[in-house]
Amino acid sequence: MNECVIGHIEDSTELNQIYYTKRLYHSDEFEMLLERSGADMTDIAELERILEFISIQCGDWFSRWVCSPADEPDDDAQGEFDNWELLWRALVQCQFTELPKWLETVTFKHIAQRDRRLLRHVNKLNKSKPLSRFLTKFCYWTSRYLSSVGLNRAANSIFSCSLYPKGSVGRG
């Protein structure tokens, strides 16, 4: 479960340097970097890039938490997920409350990114199990379809059984 590398943001780190790294970062370090960087939050392109990075972090920390054993949950991952989620919400609420269409689009992208990161994480866990990998993808897309036609209870049941390992926080 701890194959992820947790990066640390140094004082000399630039915002652009961390966007494309494949590491987990602590939310408080990113918040400080964001303040130091003087990022222009009125520039929609810059804000979308920041939100995408935050969504990736949310997804990776979420995956780490929900795939951890239910009897020994990764509380650090849960805390980081919660903090990244709060940061995402704060930025979105500050910028997009007056633009409901943008808010809807950005929220959809955020949830989709979290789902993709979870699927990626589960595929890593199932790397040596081709049947499990196939069933995970099949059930994931089946649950998305069921949800789109209003069968949310069935979708959620299939989603949690297919993505979360047996005995994990996500299945519990």
N, C-alpha and C. Protein backbone atom coordinates (compact mmCIF):
# COMPACT_ATOMS: atom_id res chain seq x y z
N MET A 1 0.81 -1.19 0.00
CA MET A 1 0.00 0.00 0.00
C MET A 1 0.86 1.26 0.00
N ASN A 2 2.07 1.20 0.53
CA ASN A 2 2.90 2.39 0.66
C ASN A 2 3.87 2.55 -0.49
N GLU A 3 3.49 2.08 -1.71
CA GLU A 3 4.37 2.22 -2.85
C GLU A 3 4.42 3.65 -3.36
N CYS A 4 3.50 4.48 -2.92
CA CYS A 4 3.46 5.88 -3.34
C CYS A 4 4.57 6.65 -2.66
N VAL A 5 5.18 7.53 -3.42
CA VAL A 5 6.22 8.38 -2.87
C VAL A 5 5.56 9.69 -2.46
N ILE A 6 5.81 10.09 -1.23
CA ILE A 6 5.26 11.36 -0.76
C ILE A 6 6.35 12.40 -0.91
N GLY A 7 6.08 13.38 -1.74
CA GLY A 7 7.04 14.44 -2.00
C GLY A 7 6.98 15.51 -0.93
N HIS A 8 8.05 16.24 -0.82
CA HIS A 8 8.08 17.38 0.09
C HIS A 8 8.39 18.62 -0.71
N ILE A 9 7.69 19.66 -0.41
CA ILE A 9 7.85 20.91 -1.14
C ILE A 9 8.85 21.78 -0.39
N GLU A 10 9.94 22.09 -1.06
CA GLU A 10 10.99 22.91 -0.46
C GLU A 10 10.67 24.38 -0.71
N ASP A 11 11.36 25.26 0.01
CA ASP A 11 11.14 26.69 -0.14
C ASP A 11 11.41 27.17 -1.56
N SER A 12 12.34 26.53 -2.26
CA SER A 12 12.70 26.98 -3.61
C SER A 12 11.81 26.36 -4.69
N THR A 13 10.90 25.48 -4.29
CA THR A 13 10.05 24.81 -5.27
C THR A 13 9.09 25.80 -5.92
N GLU A 14 8.96 25.69 -7.22
CA GLU A 14 8.03 26.50 -7.98
C GLU A 14 6.75 25.71 -8.18
N LEU A 15 5.65 26.41 -8.30
CA LEU A 15 4.35 25.77 -8.53
C LEU A 15 4.40 24.87 -9.77
N ASN A 16 5.00 25.34 -10.84
CA ASN A 16 5.07 24.56 -12.09
C ASN A 16 5.85 23.26 -11.93
N GLN A 17 6.78 23.20 -10.98
CA GLN A 17 7.60 22.01 -10.82
C GLN A 17 6.80 20.82 -10.30
N ILE A 18 5.74 21.05 -9.57
CA ILE A 18 5.04 19.91 -8.96
C ILE A 18 3.81 19.46 -9.75
N TYR A 19 3.36 20.24 -10.71
CA TYR A 19 2.14 19.90 -11.45
C TYR A 19 2.20 18.51 -12.08
N TYR A 20 3.33 18.15 -12.62
CA TYR A 20 3.40 16.92 -13.40
C TYR A 20 4.20 15.81 -12.74
N THR A 21 4.42 15.93 -11.46
CA THR A 21 5.12 14.86 -10.75
C THR A 21 4.12 13.79 -10.34
N LYS A 22 4.58 12.59 -10.17
CA LYS A 22 3.70 11.50 -9.78
C LYS A 22 3.90 11.18 -8.30
N ARG A 23 3.72 12.20 -7.50
CA ARG A 23 3.90 12.05 -6.06
C ARG A 23 2.69 12.56 -5.32
N LEU A 24 2.57 12.07 -4.11
CA LEU A 24 1.58 12.61 -3.19
C LEU A 24 2.24 13.77 -2.44
N TYR A 25 1.48 14.81 -2.22
CA TYR A 25 1.98 15.94 -1.45
C TYR A 25 1.03 16.22 -0.30
N HIS A 26 1.59 16.74 0.77
CA HIS A 26 0.76 17.14 1.91
C HIS A 26 0.08 18.47 1.57
N SER A 27 -1.19 18.55 1.89
CA SER A 27 -1.99 19.71 1.51
C SER A 27 -1.48 21.01 2.13
N ASP A 28 -1.00 20.94 3.37
CA ASP A 28 -0.53 22.17 4.02
C ASP A 28 0.70 22.73 3.32
N GLU A 29 1.58 21.86 2.81
CA GLU A 29 2.76 22.32 2.07
C GLU A 29 2.33 22.99 0.76
N PHE A 30 1.33 22.41 0.11
CA PHE A 30 0.85 22.99 -1.15
C PHE A 30 0.19 24.34 -0.90
N GLU A 31 -0.58 24.45 0.16
CA GLU A 31 -1.22 25.73 0.48
C GLU A 31 -0.18 26.82 0.67
N MET A 32 0.91 26.48 1.38
CA MET A 32 1.97 27.47 1.59
C MET A 32 2.63 27.84 0.26
N LEU A 33 2.86 26.83 -0.59
CA LEU A 33 3.45 27.10 -1.90
C LEU A 33 2.53 27.98 -2.74
N LEU A 34 1.25 27.71 -2.67
CA LEU A 34 0.27 28.49 -3.41
C LEU A 34 0.30 29.96 -2.97
N GLU A 35 0.38 30.18 -1.68
CA GLU A 35 0.47 31.55 -1.16
C GLU A 35 1.76 32.22 -1.61
N ARG A 36 2.88 31.49 -1.51
CA ARG A 36 4.18 32.03 -1.90
C ARG A 36 4.26 32.34 -3.39
N SER A 37 3.59 31.53 -4.19
CA SER A 37 3.73 31.63 -5.65
C SER A 37 3.07 32.88 -6.22
N GLY A 38 2.08 33.39 -5.51
CA GLY A 38 1.35 34.53 -6.04
C GLY A 38 0.56 34.18 -7.29
N ALA A 39 0.09 32.93 -7.36
CA ALA A 39 -0.67 32.47 -8.53
C ALA A 39 -1.88 33.38 -8.75
N ASP A 40 -2.13 33.68 -10.01
CA ASP A 40 -3.23 34.56 -10.37
C ASP A 40 -4.54 33.77 -10.41
N MET A 41 -5.34 33.90 -9.36
CA MET A 41 -6.57 33.14 -9.26
C MET A 41 -7.68 33.70 -10.14
N THR A 42 -7.42 34.84 -10.79
CA THR A 42 -8.42 35.36 -11.72
C THR A 42 -8.17 34.83 -13.13
N ASP A 43 -7.01 34.24 -13.35
CA ASP A 43 -6.69 33.62 -14.64
C ASP A 43 -7.31 32.23 -14.65
N ILE A 44 -8.37 32.04 -15.44
CA ILE A 44 -9.12 30.79 -15.46
C ILE A 44 -8.22 29.60 -15.81
N ALA A 45 -7.31 29.77 -16.77
CA ALA A 45 -6.42 28.67 -17.17
C ALA A 45 -5.53 28.25 -16.00
N GLU A 46 -4.98 29.21 -15.30
CA GLU A 46 -4.13 28.90 -14.14
C GLU A 46 -4.95 28.23 -13.03
N LEU A 47 -6.13 28.76 -12.78
CA LEU A 47 -6.99 28.19 -11.75
C LEU A 47 -7.39 26.76 -12.11
N GLU A 48 -7.71 26.50 -13.37
CA GLU A 48 -8.07 25.14 -13.78
C GLU A 48 -6.90 24.19 -13.60
N ARG A 49 -5.70 24.65 -13.87
CA ARG A 49 -4.50 23.82 -13.68
C ARG A 49 -4.31 23.49 -12.20
N ILE A 50 -4.50 24.47 -11.36
CA ILE A 50 -4.38 24.26 -9.91
C ILE A 50 -5.46 23.29 -9.44
N LEU A 51 -6.70 23.49 -9.90
CA LEU A 51 -7.79 22.60 -9.50
C LEU A 51 -7.57 21.18 -9.99
N GLU A 52 -7.02 21.04 -11.20
CA GLU A 52 -6.73 19.69 -11.70
C GLU A 52 -5.68 19.00 -10.83
N PHE A 53 -4.64 19.73 -10.45
CA PHE A 53 -3.61 19.16 -9.58
C PHE A 53 -4.22 18.75 -8.24
N ILE A 54 -5.06 19.60 -7.68
CA ILE A 54 -5.71 19.30 -6.41
C ILE A 54 -6.60 18.07 -6.56
N SER A 55 -7.31 17.96 -7.67
CA SER A 55 -8.17 16.80 -7.91
C SER A 55 -7.36 15.51 -7.99
N ILE A 56 -6.20 15.58 -8.62
CA ILE A 56 -5.31 14.41 -8.69
C ILE A 56 -4.87 14.01 -7.29
N GLN A 57 -4.47 15.00 -6.50
CA GLN A 57 -4.06 14.70 -5.12
C GLN A 57 -5.22 14.11 -4.33
N CYS A 58 -6.41 14.69 -4.47
CA CYS A 58 -7.60 14.14 -3.80
C CYS A 58 -7.79 12.68 -4.18
N GLY A 59 -7.73 12.41 -5.47
CA GLY A 59 -7.94 11.05 -5.95
C GLY A 59 -6.92 10.07 -5.43
N ASP A 60 -5.66 10.49 -5.41
CA ASP A 60 -4.61 9.58 -4.94
C ASP A 60 -4.69 9.32 -3.43
N TRP A 61 -4.96 10.37 -2.66
CA TRP A 61 -5.09 10.17 -1.21
C TRP A 61 -6.36 9.37 -0.90
N PHE A 62 -7.45 9.65 -1.62
CA PHE A 62 -8.70 8.91 -1.45
C PHE A 62 -8.46 7.42 -1.73
N SER A 63 -7.79 7.12 -2.83
CA SER A 63 -7.50 5.73 -3.20
C SER A 63 -6.70 5.03 -2.12
N ARG A 64 -5.71 5.72 -1.64
CA ARG A 64 -4.86 5.14 -0.60
C ARG A 64 -5.68 4.83 0.65
N TRP A 65 -6.60 5.73 0.99
CA TRP A 65 -7.42 5.54 2.19
C TRP A 65 -8.43 4.42 2.01
N VAL A 66 -9.26 4.46 0.95
CA VAL A 66 -10.34 3.48 0.81
C VAL A 66 -9.85 2.08 0.49
N CYS A 67 -8.63 1.95 0.00
CA CYS A 67 -8.07 0.62 -0.28
C CYS A 67 -7.27 0.09 0.90
N SER A 68 -7.17 0.87 1.97
CA SER A 68 -6.46 0.39 3.16
C SER A 68 -7.36 -0.59 3.93
N PRO A 69 -6.76 -1.48 4.71
CA PRO A 69 -7.55 -2.47 5.45
C PRO A 69 -8.54 -1.80 6.42
N ALA A 70 -9.74 -2.33 6.47
CA ALA A 70 -10.78 -1.77 7.34
C ALA A 70 -10.39 -1.86 8.81
N ASP A 71 -9.64 -2.90 9.17
CA ASP A 71 -9.24 -3.05 10.57
C ASP A 71 -8.03 -2.19 10.93
N GLU A 72 -7.35 -1.63 9.93
CA GLU A 72 -6.22 -0.72 10.14
C GLU A 72 -6.27 0.38 9.08
N PRO A 73 -7.28 1.24 9.13
CA PRO A 73 -7.40 2.26 8.08
C PRO A 73 -6.23 3.25 8.10
N ASP A 74 -5.89 3.74 6.93
CA ASP A 74 -4.82 4.73 6.80
C ASP A 74 -5.40 6.10 7.16
N ASP A 75 -5.32 6.44 8.44
CA ASP A 75 -5.90 7.69 8.93
C ASP A 75 -5.20 8.91 8.35
N ASP A 76 -3.89 8.79 8.09
CA ASP A 76 -3.17 9.91 7.48
C ASP A 76 -3.72 10.21 6.09
N ALA A 77 -3.98 9.14 5.32
CA ALA A 77 -4.52 9.32 3.98
C ALA A 77 -5.92 9.93 4.03
N GLN A 78 -6.72 9.49 4.99
CA GLN A 78 -8.06 10.05 5.14
C GLN A 78 -7.98 11.54 5.47
N GLY A 79 -7.10 11.89 6.37
CA GLY A 79 -6.92 13.30 6.75
C GLY A 79 -6.45 14.15 5.58
N GLU A 80 -5.49 13.63 4.82
CA GLU A 80 -5.00 14.36 3.65
C GLU A 80 -6.09 14.50 2.59
N PHE A 81 -6.83 13.43 2.36
CA PHE A 81 -7.94 13.51 1.40
C PHE A 81 -8.91 14.60 1.83
N ASP A 82 -9.29 14.60 3.10
CA ASP A 82 -10.23 15.61 3.60
C ASP A 82 -9.68 17.02 3.42
N ASN A 83 -8.38 17.20 3.71
CA ASN A 83 -7.77 18.53 3.58
C ASN A 83 -7.72 18.99 2.12
N TRP A 84 -7.33 18.09 1.22
CA TRP A 84 -7.28 18.44 -0.21
C TRP A 84 -8.69 18.78 -0.71
N GLU A 85 -9.67 18.00 -0.25
CA GLU A 85 -11.06 18.24 -0.66
C GLU A 85 -11.53 19.62 -0.17
N LEU A 86 -11.17 19.97 1.06
CA LEU A 86 -11.54 21.29 1.59
C LEU A 86 -10.88 22.42 0.79
N LEU A 87 -9.62 22.22 0.44
CA LEU A 87 -8.90 23.21 -0.36
C LEU A 87 -9.57 23.37 -1.72
N TRP A 88 -9.93 22.25 -2.35
CA TRP A 88 -10.61 22.30 -3.64
C TRP A 88 -11.92 23.08 -3.53
N ARG A 89 -12.71 22.73 -2.52
CA ARG A 89 -14.01 23.40 -2.33
C ARG A 89 -13.84 24.89 -2.09
N ALA A 90 -12.85 25.25 -1.28
CA ALA A 90 -12.63 26.66 -0.98
C ALA A 90 -12.29 27.45 -2.25
N LEU A 91 -11.40 26.91 -3.07
CA LEU A 91 -11.03 27.60 -4.31
C LEU A 91 -12.21 27.69 -5.26
N VAL A 92 -12.97 26.62 -5.37
CA VAL A 92 -14.12 26.60 -6.28
C VAL A 92 -15.19 27.57 -5.81
N GLN A 93 -15.47 27.58 -4.52
CA GLN A 93 -16.51 28.47 -4.01
C GLN A 93 -16.13 29.93 -4.18
N CYS A 94 -14.86 30.22 -4.03
CA CYS A 94 -14.42 31.61 -4.20
C CYS A 94 -14.56 32.08 -5.64
N GLN A 95 -14.34 31.19 -6.58
CA GLN A 95 -14.25 31.59 -7.98
C GLN A 95 -15.48 31.30 -8.84
N PHE A 96 -16.23 30.26 -8.49
CA PHE A 96 -17.25 29.79 -9.43
C PHE A 96 -18.69 29.91 -8.94
N THR A 97 -18.94 30.50 -7.79
CA THR A 97 -20.32 30.58 -7.30
C THR A 97 -21.21 31.41 -8.22
N GLU A 98 -20.64 32.38 -8.90
CA GLU A 98 -21.42 33.22 -9.81
C GLU A 98 -21.59 32.59 -11.18
N LEU A 99 -20.89 31.50 -11.44
CA LEU A 99 -20.94 30.85 -12.75
C LEU A 99 -21.40 29.40 -12.58
N PRO A 100 -22.70 29.16 -12.46
CA PRO A 100 -23.19 27.82 -12.16
C PRO A 100 -22.80 26.77 -13.20
N LYS A 101 -22.70 27.13 -14.48
CA LYS A 101 -22.32 26.18 -15.51
C LYS A 101 -20.87 25.74 -15.32
N TRP A 102 -20.01 26.71 -15.01
CA TRP A 102 -18.61 26.40 -14.73
C TRP A 102 -18.50 25.53 -13.49
N LEU A 103 -19.27 25.86 -12.48
CA LEU A 103 -19.25 25.09 -11.23
C LEU A 103 -19.62 23.64 -11.50
N GLU A 104 -20.64 23.44 -12.30
CA GLU A 104 -21.07 22.08 -12.65
C GLU A 104 -19.97 21.34 -13.42
N THR A 105 -19.34 22.01 -14.37
CA THR A 105 -18.28 21.39 -15.17
C THR A 105 -17.07 21.05 -14.32
N VAL A 106 -16.64 21.98 -13.50
CA VAL A 106 -15.46 21.78 -12.66
C VAL A 106 -15.72 20.66 -11.64
N THR A 107 -16.92 20.60 -11.10
CA THR A 107 -17.26 19.55 -10.14
C THR A 107 -17.27 18.19 -10.83
N PHE A 108 -17.83 18.12 -12.03
CA PHE A 108 -17.83 16.86 -12.79
C PHE A 108 -16.40 16.40 -13.05
N LYS A 109 -15.54 17.32 -13.48
CA LYS A 109 -14.13 16.97 -13.74
C LYS A 109 -13.45 16.46 -12.48
N HIS A 110 -13.74 17.09 -11.35
CA HIS A 110 -13.13 16.70 -10.07
C HIS A 110 -13.51 15.27 -9.70
N ILE A 111 -14.78 14.95 -9.79
CA ILE A 111 -15.26 13.61 -9.43
C ILE A 111 -14.72 12.58 -10.43
N ALA A 112 -14.70 12.92 -11.70
CA ALA A 112 -14.16 12.01 -12.71
C ALA A 112 -12.68 11.74 -12.49
N GLN A 113 -11.94 12.78 -12.12
CA GLN A 113 -10.51 12.61 -11.84
C GLN A 113 -10.30 11.68 -10.64
N ARG A 114 -11.11 11.86 -9.59
CA ARG A 114 -11.01 10.99 -8.42
C ARG A 114 -11.29 9.53 -8.81
N ASP A 115 -12.32 9.33 -9.61
CA ASP A 115 -12.66 7.97 -10.05
C ASP A 115 -11.54 7.36 -10.90
N ARG A 116 -10.96 8.16 -11.80
CA ARG A 116 -9.85 7.65 -12.63
C ARG A 116 -8.65 7.28 -11.77
N ARG A 117 -8.36 8.10 -10.78
CA ARG A 117 -7.21 7.81 -9.91
C ARG A 117 -7.46 6.55 -9.08
N LEU A 118 -8.69 6.38 -8.64
CA LEU A 118 -9.04 5.18 -7.89
C LEU A 118 -8.91 3.95 -8.78
N LEU A 119 -9.42 4.03 -9.98
CA LEU A 119 -9.33 2.91 -10.93
C LEU A 119 -7.86 2.58 -11.22
N ARG A 120 -7.05 3.61 -11.39
CA ARG A 120 -5.60 3.42 -11.63
C ARG A 120 -4.95 2.71 -10.45
N HIS A 121 -5.31 3.14 -9.24
CA HIS A 121 -4.74 2.54 -8.02
C HIS A 121 -5.15 1.06 -7.91
N VAL A 122 -6.41 0.79 -8.14
CA VAL A 122 -6.91 -0.59 -8.05
C VAL A 122 -6.26 -1.46 -9.13
N ASN A 123 -6.07 -0.90 -10.32
CA ASN A 123 -5.40 -1.66 -11.38
C ASN A 123 -3.96 -2.01 -11.00
N LYS A 124 -3.30 -1.09 -10.28
CA LYS A 124 -1.95 -1.40 -9.78
C LYS A 124 -2.00 -2.56 -8.80
N LEU A 125 -3.01 -2.52 -7.90
CA LEU A 125 -3.15 -3.60 -6.93
C LEU A 125 -3.43 -4.93 -7.62
N ASN A 126 -4.16 -4.89 -8.75
CA ASN A 126 -4.53 -6.10 -9.48
C ASN A 126 -3.59 -6.41 -10.65
N LYS A 127 -2.41 -5.82 -10.63
CA LYS A 127 -1.48 -5.94 -11.76
C LYS A 127 -1.25 -7.39 -12.18
N SER A 128 -1.10 -8.27 -11.22
CA SER A 128 -0.81 -9.67 -11.54
C SER A 128 -2.07 -10.53 -11.63
N LYS A 129 -3.25 -9.87 -11.63
CA LYS A 129 -4.52 -10.59 -11.69
C LYS A 129 -5.34 -10.08 -12.87
N PRO A 130 -5.12 -10.61 -14.08
CA PRO A 130 -5.81 -10.09 -15.27
C PRO A 130 -7.34 -10.18 -15.19
N LEU A 131 -7.87 -11.25 -14.62
CA LEU A 131 -9.31 -11.38 -14.51
C LEU A 131 -9.88 -10.31 -13.59
N SER A 132 -9.21 -10.07 -12.48
CA SER A 132 -9.65 -9.02 -11.56
C SER A 132 -9.61 -7.65 -12.23
N ARG A 133 -8.56 -7.40 -13.01
CA ARG A 133 -8.45 -6.13 -13.72
C ARG A 133 -9.61 -5.94 -14.69
N PHE A 134 -9.92 -7.00 -15.45
CA PHE A 134 -11.02 -6.94 -16.40
C PHE A 134 -12.34 -6.71 -15.68
N LEU A 135 -12.60 -7.47 -14.62
CA LEU A 135 -13.85 -7.33 -13.88
C LEU A 135 -13.99 -5.95 -13.24
N THR A 136 -12.89 -5.42 -12.76
CA THR A 136 -12.91 -4.08 -12.17
C THR A 136 -13.36 -3.05 -13.21
N LYS A 137 -12.74 -3.08 -14.37
CA LYS A 137 -13.10 -2.12 -15.42
C LYS A 137 -14.54 -2.33 -15.88
N PHE A 138 -14.93 -3.57 -16.08
CA PHE A 138 -16.28 -3.87 -16.53
C PHE A 138 -17.32 -3.36 -15.52
N CYS A 139 -17.10 -3.69 -14.26
CA CYS A 139 -18.05 -3.27 -13.21
C CYS A 139 -18.05 -1.75 -13.03
N TYR A 140 -16.90 -1.14 -13.19
CA TYR A 140 -16.82 0.32 -13.07
C TYR A 140 -17.70 0.98 -14.13
N TRP A 141 -17.54 0.58 -15.38
CA TRP A 141 -18.32 1.18 -16.46
C TRP A 141 -19.79 0.80 -16.36
N THR A 142 -20.07 -0.41 -15.90
CA THR A 142 -21.46 -0.82 -15.69
C THR A 142 -22.11 0.05 -14.63
N SER A 143 -21.39 0.31 -13.56
CA SER A 143 -21.95 1.15 -12.49
C SER A 143 -22.17 2.58 -12.98
N ARG A 144 -21.27 3.08 -13.81
CA ARG A 144 -21.46 4.43 -14.36
C ARG A 144 -22.72 4.49 -15.22
N TYR A 145 -22.93 3.44 -16.02
CA TYR A 145 -24.13 3.39 -16.85
C TYR A 145 -25.39 3.33 -15.99
N LEU A 146 -25.38 2.43 -15.00
CA LEU A 146 -26.55 2.29 -14.13
C LEU A 146 -26.88 3.60 -13.42
N SER A 147 -25.85 4.29 -13.02
CA SER A 147 -26.05 5.58 -12.36
C SER A 147 -26.67 6.59 -13.34
N SER A 148 -26.22 6.57 -14.58
CA SER A 148 -26.73 7.53 -15.57
C SER A 148 -28.21 7.30 -15.90
N VAL A 149 -28.70 6.08 -15.68
CA VAL A 149 -30.12 5.81 -15.96
C VAL A 149 -30.95 5.80 -14.68
N GLY A 150 -30.33 6.26 -13.58
CA GLY A 150 -31.09 6.45 -12.34
C GLY A 150 -31.10 5.27 -11.38
N LEU A 151 -30.35 4.23 -11.67
CA LEU A 151 -30.30 3.08 -10.77
C LEU A 151 -29.11 3.21 -9.82
N ASN A 152 -29.18 4.24 -8.96
CA ASN A 152 -28.04 4.59 -8.12
C ASN A 152 -27.69 3.54 -7.08
N ARG A 153 -28.68 2.92 -6.46
CA ARG A 153 -28.38 1.92 -5.43
C ARG A 153 -27.61 0.74 -6.04
N ALA A 154 -28.08 0.24 -7.18
CA ALA A 154 -27.40 -0.86 -7.86
C ALA A 154 -26.00 -0.41 -8.31
N ALA A 155 -25.91 0.81 -8.83
CA ALA A 155 -24.63 1.33 -9.30
C ALA A 155 -23.62 1.40 -8.15
N ASN A 156 -24.06 1.92 -7.01
CA ASN A 156 -23.15 2.04 -5.86
C ASN A 156 -22.69 0.68 -5.35
N SER A 157 -23.60 -0.29 -5.35
CA SER A 157 -23.26 -1.63 -4.89
C SER A 157 -22.21 -2.27 -5.81
N ILE A 158 -22.44 -2.19 -7.11
CA ILE A 158 -21.49 -2.76 -8.08
C ILE A 158 -20.17 -2.01 -8.01
N PHE A 159 -20.24 -0.69 -7.89
CA PHE A 159 -19.04 0.14 -7.84
C PHE A 159 -18.16 -0.26 -6.65
N SER A 160 -18.75 -0.35 -5.46
CA SER A 160 -17.93 -0.65 -4.28
C SER A 160 -17.39 -2.07 -4.29
N CYS A 161 -18.17 -3.02 -4.79
CA CYS A 161 -17.69 -4.41 -4.85
C CYS A 161 -16.58 -4.57 -5.88
N SER A 162 -16.65 -3.81 -6.96
CA SER A 162 -15.66 -3.99 -8.01
C SER A 162 -14.36 -3.26 -7.73
N LEU A 163 -14.43 -2.12 -7.10
CA LEU A 163 -13.22 -1.31 -6.95
C LEU A 163 -12.48 -1.50 -5.64
N TYR A 164 -13.19 -1.74 -4.58
CA TYR A 164 -12.51 -1.79 -3.30
C TYR A 164 -12.14 -3.22 -2.93
N PRO A 165 -10.91 -3.44 -2.54
CA PRO A 165 -10.49 -4.79 -2.16
C PRO A 165 -11.30 -5.31 -0.98
N LYS A 166 -11.47 -6.62 -0.94
CA LYS A 166 -12.17 -7.25 0.17
C LYS A 166 -11.48 -6.89 1.48
N GLY A 167 -12.28 -6.52 2.46
CA GLY A 167 -11.73 -6.17 3.78
C GLY A 167 -11.17 -4.76 3.87
N SER A 168 -11.43 -3.94 2.84
CA SER A 168 -10.89 -2.57 2.84
C SER A 168 -11.91 -1.59 3.38
N VAL A 169 -11.45 -0.38 3.66
CA VAL A 169 -12.30 0.69 4.15
C VAL A 169 -13.44 0.95 3.16
N GLY A 170 -13.14 0.94 1.88
CA GLY A 170 -14.14 1.22 0.86
C GLY A 170 -15.27 0.22 0.80
N ARG A 171 -14.97 -1.01 1.14
CA ARG A 171 -16.02 -2.05 1.10
C ARG A 171 -16.83 -2.04 2.37
N GLY A 172 -16.24 -1.58 3.45
CA GLY A 172 -16.86 -1.62 4.77
C GLY A 172 -18.03 -0.78 4.88
